[in-house]
């Protein structure tokens, strides 16, 4: 399931709603930056692909610092395969009526 959210009026609201996500897919060209840190703080798995420019490597740096390298894709095909695997796993846990375990 994909959910889109409107702008949060304050940081507390933003962090509270971040926790409902089962997985965050980072963008390839510009990483999530502060939002990535917020999601990781809320224990939301973040899948990313490091790019050539600094702005596309920030989320990867966060994952390596945790360490959570399993969520750092090597290429676009790897990103897609990991995302599908994690998405299917989350859907299976949802069908069982339980929250999925952290992928990190």
PDB file of N, CA and C in Angstrom:
ATOM      1  N   UNK A   1       0.849  -1.169   0.000  1.00  0.00           N
ATOM      2  CA  UNK A   1       0.000   0.000   0.000  1.00  0.00           C
ATOM      3  C   UNK A   1       0.897   1.236   0.000  1.00  0.00           C
ATOM      4  N   UNK A   2       0.540   2.206  -0.803  1.00  0.00           N
ATOM      5  CA  UNK A   2       1.290   3.459  -0.868  1.00  0.00           C
ATOM      6  C   UNK A   2       0.430   4.560  -0.266  1.00  0.00           C
ATOM      7  N   UNK A   3       1.050   5.357   0.600  1.00  0.00           N
ATOM      8  CA  UNK A   3       0.338   6.486   1.210  1.00  0.00           C
ATOM      9  C   UNK A   3       1.093   7.769   0.911  1.00  0.00           C
ATOM     10  N   UNK A   4       0.362   8.773   0.493  1.00  0.00           N
ATOM     11  CA  UNK A   4       0.932  10.094   0.288  1.00  0.00           C
ATOM     12  C   UNK A   4       0.418  10.995   1.398  1.00  0.00           C
ATOM     13  N   UNK A   5       1.286  11.829   1.927  1.00  0.00           N
ATOM     14  CA  UNK A   5       0.905  12.678   3.054  1.00  0.00           C
ATOM     15  C   UNK A   5       1.065  14.151   2.689  1.00  0.00           C
ATOM     16  N   UNK A   6       0.216  14.968   3.271  1.00  0.00           N
ATOM     17  CA  UNK A   6       0.325  16.406   3.104  1.00  0.00           C
ATOM     18  C   UNK A   6       1.422  16.938   4.018  1.00  0.00           C
ATOM     19  N   UNK A   7       1.756  18.188   3.845  1.00  0.00           N
ATOM     20  CA  UNK A   7       2.762  18.855   4.662  1.00  0.00           C
ATOM     21  C   UNK A   7       2.361  18.793   6.128  1.00  0.00           C
ATOM     22  N   UNK A   8       3.286  18.435   6.985  1.00  0.00           N
ATOM     23  CA  UNK A   8       3.016  18.395   8.422  1.00  0.00           C
ATOM     24  C   UNK A   8       3.238  19.785   9.005  1.00  0.00           C
ATOM     25  N   UNK A   9       2.361  20.235   9.903  1.00  0.00           N
ATOM     26  CA  UNK A   9       2.472  21.593  10.440  1.00  0.00           C
ATOM     27  C   UNK A   9       3.656  21.798  11.393  1.00  0.00           C
ATOM     28  N   UNK A  10       4.168  20.693  11.971  1.00  0.00           N
ATOM     29  CA  UNK A  10       5.287  20.831  12.909  1.00  0.00           C
ATOM     30  C   UNK A  10       6.101  19.544  12.922  1.00  0.00           C
ATOM     31  N   UNK A  11       7.258  19.609  13.528  1.00  0.00           N
ATOM     32  CA  UNK A  11       8.171  18.469  13.554  1.00  0.00           C
ATOM     33  C   UNK A  11       7.569  17.274  14.275  1.00  0.00           C
ATOM     34  N   UNK A  12       6.897  17.499  15.374  1.00  0.00           N
ATOM     35  CA  UNK A  12       6.299  16.397  16.130  1.00  0.00           C
ATOM     36  C   UNK A  12       5.293  15.621  15.279  1.00  0.00           C
ATOM     37  N   UNK A  13       4.451  16.324  14.531  1.00  0.00           N
ATOM     38  CA  UNK A  13       3.469  15.674  13.657  1.00  0.00           C
ATOM     39  C   UNK A  13       4.174  14.895  12.547  1.00  0.00           C
ATOM     40  N   UNK A  14       5.217  15.491  12.000  1.00  0.00           N
ATOM     41  CA  UNK A  14       5.991  14.845  10.941  1.00  0.00           C
ATOM     42  C   UNK A  14       6.603  13.537  11.447  1.00  0.00           C
ATOM     43  N   UNK A  15       7.231  13.571  12.607  1.00  0.00           N
ATOM     44  CA  UNK A  15       7.863  12.375  13.142  1.00  0.00           C
ATOM     45  C   UNK A  15       6.839  11.315  13.528  1.00  0.00           C
ATOM     46  N   UNK A  16       5.705  11.742  14.060  1.00  0.00           N
ATOM     47  CA  UNK A  16       4.665  10.799  14.458  1.00  0.00           C
ATOM     48  C   UNK A  16       4.128  10.036  13.256  1.00  0.00           C
ATOM     49  N   UNK A  17       3.856  10.715  12.169  1.00  0.00           N
ATOM     50  CA  UNK A  17       3.302  10.025  10.998  1.00  0.00           C
ATOM     51  C   UNK A  17       4.354   9.210  10.263  1.00  0.00           C
ATOM     52  N   UNK A  18       5.621   9.529  10.440  1.00  0.00           N
ATOM     53  CA  UNK A  18       6.685   8.765   9.780  1.00  0.00           C
ATOM     54  C   UNK A  18       6.689   7.317  10.249  1.00  0.00           C
ATOM     55  N   UNK A  19       6.317   7.096  11.488  1.00  0.00           N
ATOM     56  CA  UNK A  19       6.331   5.754  12.049  1.00  0.00           C
ATOM     57  C   UNK A  19       5.319   4.797  11.459  1.00  0.00           C
ATOM     58  N   UNK A  20       4.331   5.277  10.709  1.00  0.00           N
ATOM     59  CA  UNK A  20       3.335   4.376  10.122  1.00  0.00           C
ATOM     60  C   UNK A  20       3.846   3.706   8.860  1.00  0.00           C
ATOM     61  N   UNK A  21       4.940   4.183   8.309  1.00  0.00           N
ATOM     62  CA  UNK A  21       5.488   3.603   7.078  1.00  0.00           C
ATOM     63  C   UNK A  21       6.151   2.270   7.373  1.00  0.00           C
ATOM     64  N   UNK A  22       5.993   1.334   6.462  1.00  0.00           N
ATOM     65  CA  UNK A  22       6.648   0.040   6.589  1.00  0.00           C
ATOM     66  C   UNK A  22       7.969   0.001   5.850  1.00  0.00           C
ATOM     67  N   UNK A  23       8.132   0.907   4.887  1.00  0.00           N
ATOM     68  CA  UNK A  23       9.342   0.966   4.081  1.00  0.00           C
ATOM     69  C   UNK A  23       9.370   2.307   3.368  1.00  0.00           C
ATOM     70  N   UNK A  24      10.534   2.907   3.297  1.00  0.00           N
ATOM     71  CA  UNK A  24      10.697   4.145   2.533  1.00  0.00           C
ATOM     72  C   UNK A  24      11.668   3.877   1.388  1.00  0.00           C
ATOM     73  N   UNK A  25      11.259   4.273   0.187  1.00  0.00           N
ATOM     74  CA  UNK A  25      12.108   4.145  -0.995  1.00  0.00           C
ATOM     75  C   UNK A  25      12.707   5.509  -1.291  1.00  0.00           C
ATOM     76  N   UNK A  26      14.013   5.599  -1.223  1.00  0.00           N
ATOM     77  CA  UNK A  26      14.710   6.858  -1.450  1.00  0.00           C
ATOM     78  C   UNK A  26      14.744   7.164  -2.951  1.00  0.00           C
ATOM     79  N   UNK A  27      14.813   8.434  -3.290  1.00  0.00           N
ATOM     80  CA  UNK A  27      14.924   8.819  -4.689  1.00  0.00           C
ATOM     81  C   UNK A  27      16.372   8.691  -5.136  1.00  0.00           C
ATOM     82  N   UNK A  28      16.559   8.400  -6.408  1.00  0.00           N
ATOM     83  CA  UNK A  28      17.898   8.098  -6.915  1.00  0.00           C
ATOM     84  C   UNK A  28      18.781   9.334  -7.092  1.00  0.00           C
ATOM     85  N   UNK A  29      18.237  10.401  -7.602  1.00  0.00           N
ATOM     86  CA  UNK A  29      19.066  11.558  -7.917  1.00  0.00           C
ATOM     87  C   UNK A  29      19.360  12.449  -6.720  1.00  0.00           C
ATOM     88  N   UNK A  30      18.360  12.660  -5.883  1.00  0.00           N
ATOM     89  CA  UNK A  30      18.522  13.480  -4.673  1.00  0.00           C
ATOM     90  C   UNK A  30      18.018  12.669  -3.491  1.00  0.00           C
ATOM     91  N   UNK A  31      18.892  12.364  -2.551  1.00  0.00           N
ATOM     92  CA  UNK A  31      18.480  11.523  -1.424  1.00  0.00           C
ATOM     93  C   UNK A  31      17.556  12.287  -0.478  1.00  0.00           C
ATOM     94  N   UNK A  32      16.939  11.543   0.418  1.00  0.00           N
ATOM     95  CA  UNK A  32      15.945  12.114   1.323  1.00  0.00           C
ATOM     96  C   UNK A  32      16.543  13.047   2.373  1.00  0.00           C
ATOM     97  N   UNK A  33      17.824  12.973   2.598  1.00  0.00           N
ATOM     98  CA  UNK A  33      18.550  13.840   3.524  1.00  0.00           C
ATOM     99  C   UNK A  33      17.926  13.841   4.922  1.00  0.00           C
ATOM    100  N   UNK A  34      17.393  14.973   5.374  1.00  0.00           N
ATOM    101  CA  UNK A  34      16.836  15.080   6.727  1.00  0.00           C
ATOM    102  C   UNK A  34      15.662  14.131   6.910  1.00  0.00           C
ATOM    103  N   UNK A  35      14.839  13.978   5.889  1.00  0.00           N
ATOM    104  CA  UNK A  35      13.711  13.053   5.981  1.00  0.00           C
ATOM    105  C   UNK A  35      14.215  11.633   6.194  1.00  0.00           C
ATOM    106  N   UNK A  36      15.334  11.271   5.563  1.00  0.00           N
ATOM    107  CA  UNK A  36      15.917   9.942   5.773  1.00  0.00           C
ATOM    108  C   UNK A  36      16.296   9.761   7.233  1.00  0.00           C
ATOM    109  N   UNK A  37      16.926  10.757   7.822  1.00  0.00           N
ATOM    110  CA  UNK A  37      17.292  10.681   9.241  1.00  0.00           C
ATOM    111  C   UNK A  37      16.040  10.555  10.107  1.00  0.00           C
ATOM    112  N   UNK A  38      14.994  11.309   9.778  1.00  0.00           N
ATOM    113  CA  UNK A  38      13.739  11.232  10.536  1.00  0.00           C
ATOM    114  C   UNK A  38      13.133   9.835  10.446  1.00  0.00           C
ATOM    115  N   UNK A  39      13.119   9.262   9.243  1.00  0.00           N
ATOM    116  CA  UNK A  39      12.551   7.930   9.049  1.00  0.00           C
ATOM    117  C   UNK A  39      13.346   6.880   9.813  1.00  0.00           C
ATOM    118  N   UNK A  40      14.659   6.961   9.736  1.00  0.00           N
ATOM    119  CA  UNK A  40      15.495   6.003  10.457  1.00  0.00           C
ATOM    120  C   UNK A  40      15.317   6.154  11.968  1.00  0.00           C
ATOM    121  N   UNK A  41      15.156   7.383  12.430  1.00  0.00           N
ATOM    122  CA  UNK A  41      14.903   7.637  13.853  1.00  0.00           C
ATOM    123  C   UNK A  41      13.595   6.974  14.290  1.00  0.00           C
ATOM    124  N   UNK A  42      12.612   6.945  13.363  1.00  0.00           N
ATOM    125  CA  UNK A  42      11.314   6.327  13.643  1.00  0.00           C
ATOM    126  C   UNK A  42      11.331   4.820  13.370  1.00  0.00           C
ATOM    127  N   UNK A  43      12.524   4.251  13.125  1.00  0.00           N
ATOM    128  CA  UNK A  43      12.714   2.817  12.875  1.00  0.00           C
ATOM    129  C   UNK A  43      12.035   2.338  11.601  1.00  0.00           C
ATOM    130  N   UNK A  44      11.955   3.211  10.600  1.00  0.00           N
ATOM    131  CA  UNK A  44      11.399   2.843   9.299  1.00  0.00           C
ATOM    132  C   UNK A  44      12.549   2.429   8.388  1.00  0.00           C
ATOM    133  N   UNK A  45      12.510   1.212   7.823  1.00  0.00           N
ATOM    134  CA  UNK A  45      13.559   0.800   6.899  1.00  0.00           C
ATOM    135  C   UNK A  45      13.609   1.737   5.678  1.00  0.00           C
ATOM    136  N   UNK A  46      14.810   2.109   5.281  1.00  0.00           N
ATOM    137  CA  UNK A  46      15.013   3.023   4.158  1.00  0.00           C
ATOM    138  C   UNK A  46      15.874   2.325   3.123  1.00  0.00           C
ATOM    139  N   UNK A  47      15.335   2.156   1.926  1.00  0.00           N
ATOM    140  CA  UNK A  47      16.077   1.549   0.822  1.00  0.00           C
ATOM    141  C   UNK A  47      16.612   2.666  -0.059  1.00  0.00           C
ATOM    142  N   UNK A  48      17.908   2.635  -0.346  1.00  0.00           N
ATOM    143  CA  UNK A  48      18.508   3.700  -1.149  1.00  0.00           C
ATOM    144  C   UNK A  48      19.541   3.144  -2.117  1.00  0.00           C
ATOM    145  N   UNK A  49      19.907   3.967  -3.057  1.00  0.00           N
ATOM    146  CA  UNK A  49      20.922   3.664  -4.062  1.00  0.00           C
ATOM    147  C   UNK A  49      21.844   4.870  -4.133  1.00  0.00           C
ATOM    148  N   UNK A  50      23.100   4.696  -3.770  1.00  0.00           N
ATOM    149  CA  UNK A  50      24.051   5.809  -3.788  1.00  0.00           C
ATOM    150  C   UNK A  50      24.360   6.204  -5.232  1.00  0.00           C
ATOM    151  N   UNK A  51      24.376   7.499  -5.476  1.00  0.00           N
ATOM    152  CA  UNK A  51      24.677   7.997  -6.812  1.00  0.00           C
ATOM    153  C   UNK A  51      26.069   8.592  -6.893  1.00  0.00           C
ATOM    154  N   UNK A  52      26.301   9.326  -7.956  1.00  0.00           N
ATOM    155  CA  UNK A  52      27.619   9.923  -8.208  1.00  0.00           C
ATOM    156  C   UNK A  52      27.838  11.210  -7.415  1.00  0.00           C
ATOM    157  N   UNK A  53      26.788  11.993  -7.225  1.00  0.00           N
ATOM    158  CA  UNK A  53      26.900  13.292  -6.567  1.00  0.00           C
ATOM    159  C   UNK A  53      26.672  13.168  -5.059  1.00  0.00           C
ATOM    160  N   UNK A  54      27.188  14.133  -4.315  1.00  0.00           N
ATOM    161  CA  UNK A  54      27.041  14.128  -2.863  1.00  0.00           C
ATOM    162  C   UNK A  54      25.570  14.071  -2.441  1.00  0.00           C
ATOM    163  N   UNK A  55      24.700  14.819  -3.122  1.00  0.00           N
ATOM    164  CA  UNK A  55      23.284  14.858  -2.743  1.00  0.00           C
ATOM    165  C   UNK A  55      22.582  13.514  -2.940  1.00  0.00           C
ATOM    166  N   UNK A  56      23.171  12.624  -3.704  1.00  0.00           N
ATOM    167  CA  UNK A  56      22.567  11.310  -3.920  1.00  0.00           C
ATOM    168  C   UNK A  56      23.231  10.220  -3.074  1.00  0.00           C
ATOM    169  N   UNK A  57      24.118  10.614  -2.156  1.00  0.00           N
ATOM    170  CA  UNK A  57      24.807   9.639  -1.316  1.00  0.00           C
ATOM    171  C   UNK A  57      24.541   9.813   0.184  1.00  0.00           C
ATOM    172  N   UNK A  58      23.779  10.799   0.561  1.00  0.00           N
ATOM    173  CA  UNK A  58      23.576  11.089   1.983  1.00  0.00           C
ATOM    174  C   UNK A  58      22.847   9.952   2.702  1.00  0.00           C
ATOM    175  N   UNK A  59      21.768   9.456   2.118  1.00  0.00           N
ATOM    176  CA  UNK A  59      21.038   8.355   2.754  1.00  0.00           C
ATOM    177  C   UNK A  59      21.917   7.112   2.867  1.00  0.00           C
ATOM    178  N   UNK A  60      22.730   6.862   1.850  1.00  0.00           N
ATOM    179  CA  UNK A  60      23.648   5.719   1.895  1.00  0.00           C
ATOM    180  C   UNK A  60      24.629   5.882   3.054  1.00  0.00           C
ATOM    181  N   UNK A  61      25.114   7.075   3.272  1.00  0.00           N
ATOM    182  CA  UNK A  61      26.026   7.330   4.386  1.00  0.00           C
ATOM    183  C   UNK A  61      25.346   7.056   5.721  1.00  0.00           C
ATOM    184  N   UNK A  62      24.089   7.453   5.838  1.00  0.00           N
ATOM    185  CA  UNK A  62      23.342   7.187   7.074  1.00  0.00           C
ATOM    186  C   UNK A  62      23.210   5.686   7.319  1.00  0.00           C
ATOM    187  N   UNK A  63      22.887   4.939   6.261  1.00  0.00           N
ATOM    188  CA  UNK A  63      22.730   3.488   6.410  1.00  0.00           C
ATOM    189  C   UNK A  63      24.043   2.821   6.795  1.00  0.00           C
ATOM    190  N   UNK A  64      25.130   3.275   6.208  1.00  0.00           N
ATOM    191  CA  UNK A  64      26.434   2.692   6.531  1.00  0.00           C
ATOM    192  C   UNK A  64      26.866   3.040   7.955  1.00  0.00           C
ATOM    193  N   UNK A  65      26.425   4.176   8.459  1.00  0.00           N
ATOM    194  CA  UNK A  65      26.773   4.583   9.816  1.00  0.00           C
ATOM    195  C   UNK A  65      25.990   3.797  10.864  1.00  0.00           C
ATOM    196  N   UNK A  66      24.842   3.219  10.499  1.00  0.00           N
ATOM    197  CA  UNK A  66      23.993   2.545  11.500  1.00  0.00           C
ATOM    198  C   UNK A  66      24.573   1.265  12.092  1.00  0.00           C
ATOM    199  N   UNK A  67      25.043   0.300  11.473  1.00  0.00           N
ATOM    200  CA  UNK A  67      25.136  -0.019  10.055  1.00  0.00           C
ATOM    201  C   UNK A  67      23.904  -0.809   9.579  1.00  0.00           C
ATOM    202  N   UNK A  68      23.433  -0.487   8.388  1.00  0.00           N
ATOM    203  CA  UNK A  68      22.326  -1.207   7.755  1.00  0.00           C
ATOM    204  C   UNK A  68      22.609  -1.364   6.265  1.00  0.00           C
ATOM    205  N   UNK A  69      23.748  -1.957   5.906  1.00  0.00           N
ATOM    206  CA  UNK A  69      24.134  -2.027   4.494  1.00  0.00           C
ATOM    207  C   UNK A  69      23.221  -2.888   3.630  1.00  0.00           C
ATOM    208  N   UNK A  70      22.386  -3.745   4.240  1.00  0.00           N
ATOM    209  CA  UNK A  70      21.484  -4.573   3.438  1.00  0.00           C
ATOM    210  C   UNK A  70      20.452  -3.740   2.691  1.00  0.00           C
ATOM    211  N   UNK A  71      20.236  -2.506   3.131  1.00  0.00           N
ATOM    212  CA  UNK A  71      19.260  -1.628   2.483  1.00  0.00           C
ATOM    213  C   UNK A  71      19.925  -0.650   1.516  1.00  0.00           C
ATOM    214  N   UNK A  72      21.193  -0.867   1.219  1.00  0.00           N
ATOM    215  CA  UNK A  72      21.924  -0.040   0.266  1.00  0.00           C
ATOM    216  C   UNK A  72      22.101  -0.847  -1.014  1.00  0.00           C
ATOM    217  N   UNK A  73      21.320  -0.495  -2.042  1.00  0.00           N
ATOM    218  CA  UNK A  73      21.360  -1.227  -3.311  1.00  0.00           C
ATOM    219  C   UNK A  73      22.638  -0.909  -4.087  1.00  0.00           C
ATOM    220  N   UNK A  74      23.118  -1.886  -4.836  1.00  0.00           N
ATOM    221  CA  UNK A  74      24.327  -1.710  -5.643  1.00  0.00           C
ATOM    222  C   UNK A  74      24.047  -1.045  -6.984  1.00  0.00           C
ATOM    223  N   UNK A  75      22.826  -1.258  -7.516  1.00  0.00           N
ATOM    224  CA  UNK A  75      22.441  -0.697  -8.813  1.00  0.00           C
ATOM    225  C   UNK A  75      20.914  -0.647  -8.876  1.00  0.00           C
ATOM    226  N   UNK A  76      20.383  -0.133  -9.988  1.00  0.00           N
ATOM    227  CA  UNK A  76      18.920   0.021 -10.103  1.00  0.00           C
ATOM    228  C   UNK A  76      18.187  -1.320 -10.049  1.00  0.00           C
ATOM    229  N   UNK A  77      18.756  -2.338 -10.650  1.00  0.00           N
ATOM    230  CA  UNK A  77      18.122  -3.654 -10.630  1.00  0.00           C
ATOM    231  C   UNK A  77      18.080  -4.204  -9.206  1.00  0.00           C
ATOM    232  N   UNK A  78      19.155  -4.020  -8.475  1.00  0.00           N
ATOM    233  CA  UNK A  78      19.226  -4.436  -7.082  1.00  0.00           C
ATOM    234  C   UNK A  78      18.202  -3.674  -6.235  1.00  0.00           C
ATOM    235  N   UNK A  79      18.081  -2.365  -6.469  1.00  0.00           N
ATOM    236  CA  UNK A  79      17.107  -1.520  -5.768  1.00  0.00           C
ATOM    237  C   UNK A  79      15.696  -2.067  -5.978  1.00  0.00           C
ATOM    238  N   UNK A  80      15.374  -2.380  -7.225  1.00  0.00           N
ATOM    239  CA  UNK A  80      14.042  -2.900  -7.546  1.00  0.00           C
ATOM    240  C   UNK A  80      13.804  -4.257  -6.883  1.00  0.00           C
ATOM    241  N   UNK A  81      14.784  -5.148  -6.956  1.00  0.00           N
ATOM    242  CA  UNK A  81      14.622  -6.483  -6.384  1.00  0.00           C
ATOM    243  C   UNK A  81      14.459  -6.424  -4.864  1.00  0.00           C
ATOM    244  N   UNK A  82      15.277  -5.613  -4.201  1.00  0.00           N
ATOM    245  CA  UNK A  82      15.169  -5.484  -2.738  1.00  0.00           C
ATOM    246  C   UNK A  82      13.823  -4.875  -2.368  1.00  0.00           C
ATOM    247  N   UNK A  83      13.408  -3.826  -3.089  1.00  0.00           N
ATOM    248  CA  UNK A  83      12.125  -3.178  -2.817  1.00  0.00           C
ATOM    249  C   UNK A  83      10.952  -4.128  -2.967  1.00  0.00           C
ATOM    250  N   UNK A  84      10.970  -4.935  -4.015  1.00  0.00           N
ATOM    251  CA  UNK A  84       9.892  -5.911  -4.234  1.00  0.00           C
ATOM    252  C   UNK A  84       9.895  -6.951  -3.125  1.00  0.00           C
ATOM    253  N   UNK A  85      11.078  -7.450  -2.764  1.00  0.00           N
ATOM    254  CA  UNK A  85      11.169  -8.465  -1.712  1.00  0.00           C
ATOM    255  C   UNK A  85      10.657  -7.920  -0.380  1.00  0.00           C
ATOM    256  N   UNK A  86      11.079  -6.710  -0.026  1.00  0.00           N
ATOM    257  CA  UNK A  86      10.631  -6.108   1.232  1.00  0.00           C
ATOM    258  C   UNK A  86       9.139  -5.785   1.186  1.00  0.00           C
ATOM    259  N   UNK A  87       8.650  -5.306   0.047  1.00  0.00           N
ATOM    260  CA  UNK A  87       7.226  -5.002  -0.084  1.00  0.00           C
ATOM    261  C   UNK A  87       6.363  -6.241   0.042  1.00  0.00           C
ATOM    262  N   UNK A  88       6.786  -7.313  -0.589  1.00  0.00           N
ATOM    263  CA  UNK A  88       6.026  -8.572  -0.481  1.00  0.00           C
ATOM    264  C   UNK A  88       6.068  -9.103   0.938  1.00  0.00           C
ATOM    265  N   UNK A  89       7.195  -8.975   1.596  1.00  0.00           N
ATOM    266  CA  UNK A  89       7.294  -9.426   2.984  1.00  0.00           C
ATOM    267  C   UNK A  89       6.384  -8.631   3.895  1.00  0.00           C
ATOM    268  N   UNK A  90       6.328  -7.312   3.696  1.00  0.00           N
ATOM    269  CA  UNK A  90       5.447  -6.466   4.516  1.00  0.00           C
ATOM    270  C   UNK A  90       3.991  -6.821   4.273  1.00  0.00           C
ATOM    271  N   UNK A  91       3.637  -7.097   3.013  1.00  0.00           N
ATOM    272  CA  UNK A  91       2.252  -7.461   2.694  1.00  0.00           C
ATOM    273  C   UNK A  91       1.874  -8.772   3.382  1.00  0.00           C
ATOM    274  N   UNK A  92       2.813  -9.711   3.443  1.00  0.00           N
ATOM    275  CA  UNK A  92       2.560 -10.990   4.106  1.00  0.00           C
ATOM    276  C   UNK A  92       2.316 -10.794   5.602  1.00  0.00           C
ATOM    277  N   UNK A  93       3.116  -9.950   6.242  1.00  0.00           N
ATOM    278  CA  UNK A  93       2.925  -9.673   7.668  1.00  0.00           C
ATOM    279  C   UNK A  93       1.589  -8.975   7.901  1.00  0.00           C
ATOM    280  N   UNK A  94       1.219  -8.071   6.986  1.00  0.00           N
ATOM    281  CA  UNK A  94      -0.057  -7.357   7.138  1.00  0.00           C
ATOM    282  C   UNK A  94      -1.225  -8.331   7.045  1.00  0.00           C
ATOM    283  N   UNK A  95      -1.142  -9.302   6.129  1.00  0.00           N
ATOM    284  CA  UNK A  95      -2.200 -10.307   6.013  1.00  0.00           C
ATOM    285  C   UNK A  95      -2.339 -11.116   7.301  1.00  0.00           C
ATOM    286  N   UNK A  96      -1.224 -11.307   8.009  1.00  0.00           N
ATOM    287  CA  UNK A  96      -1.247 -12.051   9.259  1.00  0.00           C
ATOM    288  C   UNK A  96      -1.694 -11.183  10.430  1.00  0.00           C
ATOM    289  N   UNK A  97      -1.899  -9.884  10.175  1.00  0.00           N
ATOM    290  CA  UNK A  97      -2.357  -8.983  11.217  1.00  0.00           C
ATOM    291  C   UNK A  97      -1.282  -8.575  12.202  1.00  0.00           C
ATOM    292  N   UNK A  98      -0.017  -8.661  11.775  1.00  0.00           N
ATOM    293  CA  UNK A  98       1.108  -8.294  12.654  1.00  0.00           C
ATOM    294  C   UNK A  98       2.008  -7.301  11.928  1.00  0.00           C
ATOM    295  N   UNK A  99       2.680  -6.456  12.680  1.00  0.00           N
ATOM    296  CA  UNK A  99       3.628  -5.539  12.042  1.00  0.00           C
ATOM    297  C   UNK A  99       4.854  -6.301  11.567  1.00  0.00           C
ATOM    298  N   UNK A 100       5.433  -5.908  10.416  1.00  0.00           N
ATOM    299  CA  UNK A 100       6.627  -6.597   9.932  1.00  0.00           C
ATOM    300  C   UNK A 100       7.828  -6.300  10.809  1.00  0.00           C
ATOM    301  N   UNK A 101       8.758  -7.235  10.895  1.00  0.00           N
ATOM    302  CA  UNK A 101       9.997  -6.947  11.629  1.00  0.00           C
ATOM    303  C   UNK A 101      10.812  -5.935  10.862  1.00  0.00           C
ATOM    304  N   UNK A 102      11.672  -5.205  11.534  1.00  0.00           N
ATOM    305  CA  UNK A 102      12.521  -4.222  10.866  1.00  0.00           C
ATOM    306  C   UNK A 102      13.438  -4.937   9.892  1.00  0.00           C
ATOM    307  N   UNK A 103      13.621  -4.328   8.712  1.00  0.00           N
ATOM    308  CA  UNK A 103      14.492  -4.908   7.708  1.00  0.00           C
ATOM    309  C   UNK A 103      15.945  -4.577   7.976  1.00  0.00           C
ATOM    310  N   UNK A 104      16.202  -3.662   8.897  1.00  0.00           N
ATOM    311  CA  UNK A 104      17.575  -3.239   9.157  1.00  0.00           C
ATOM    312  C   UNK A 104      18.328  -4.221  10.001  1.00  0.00           C
TER     313      UNK A 104
END
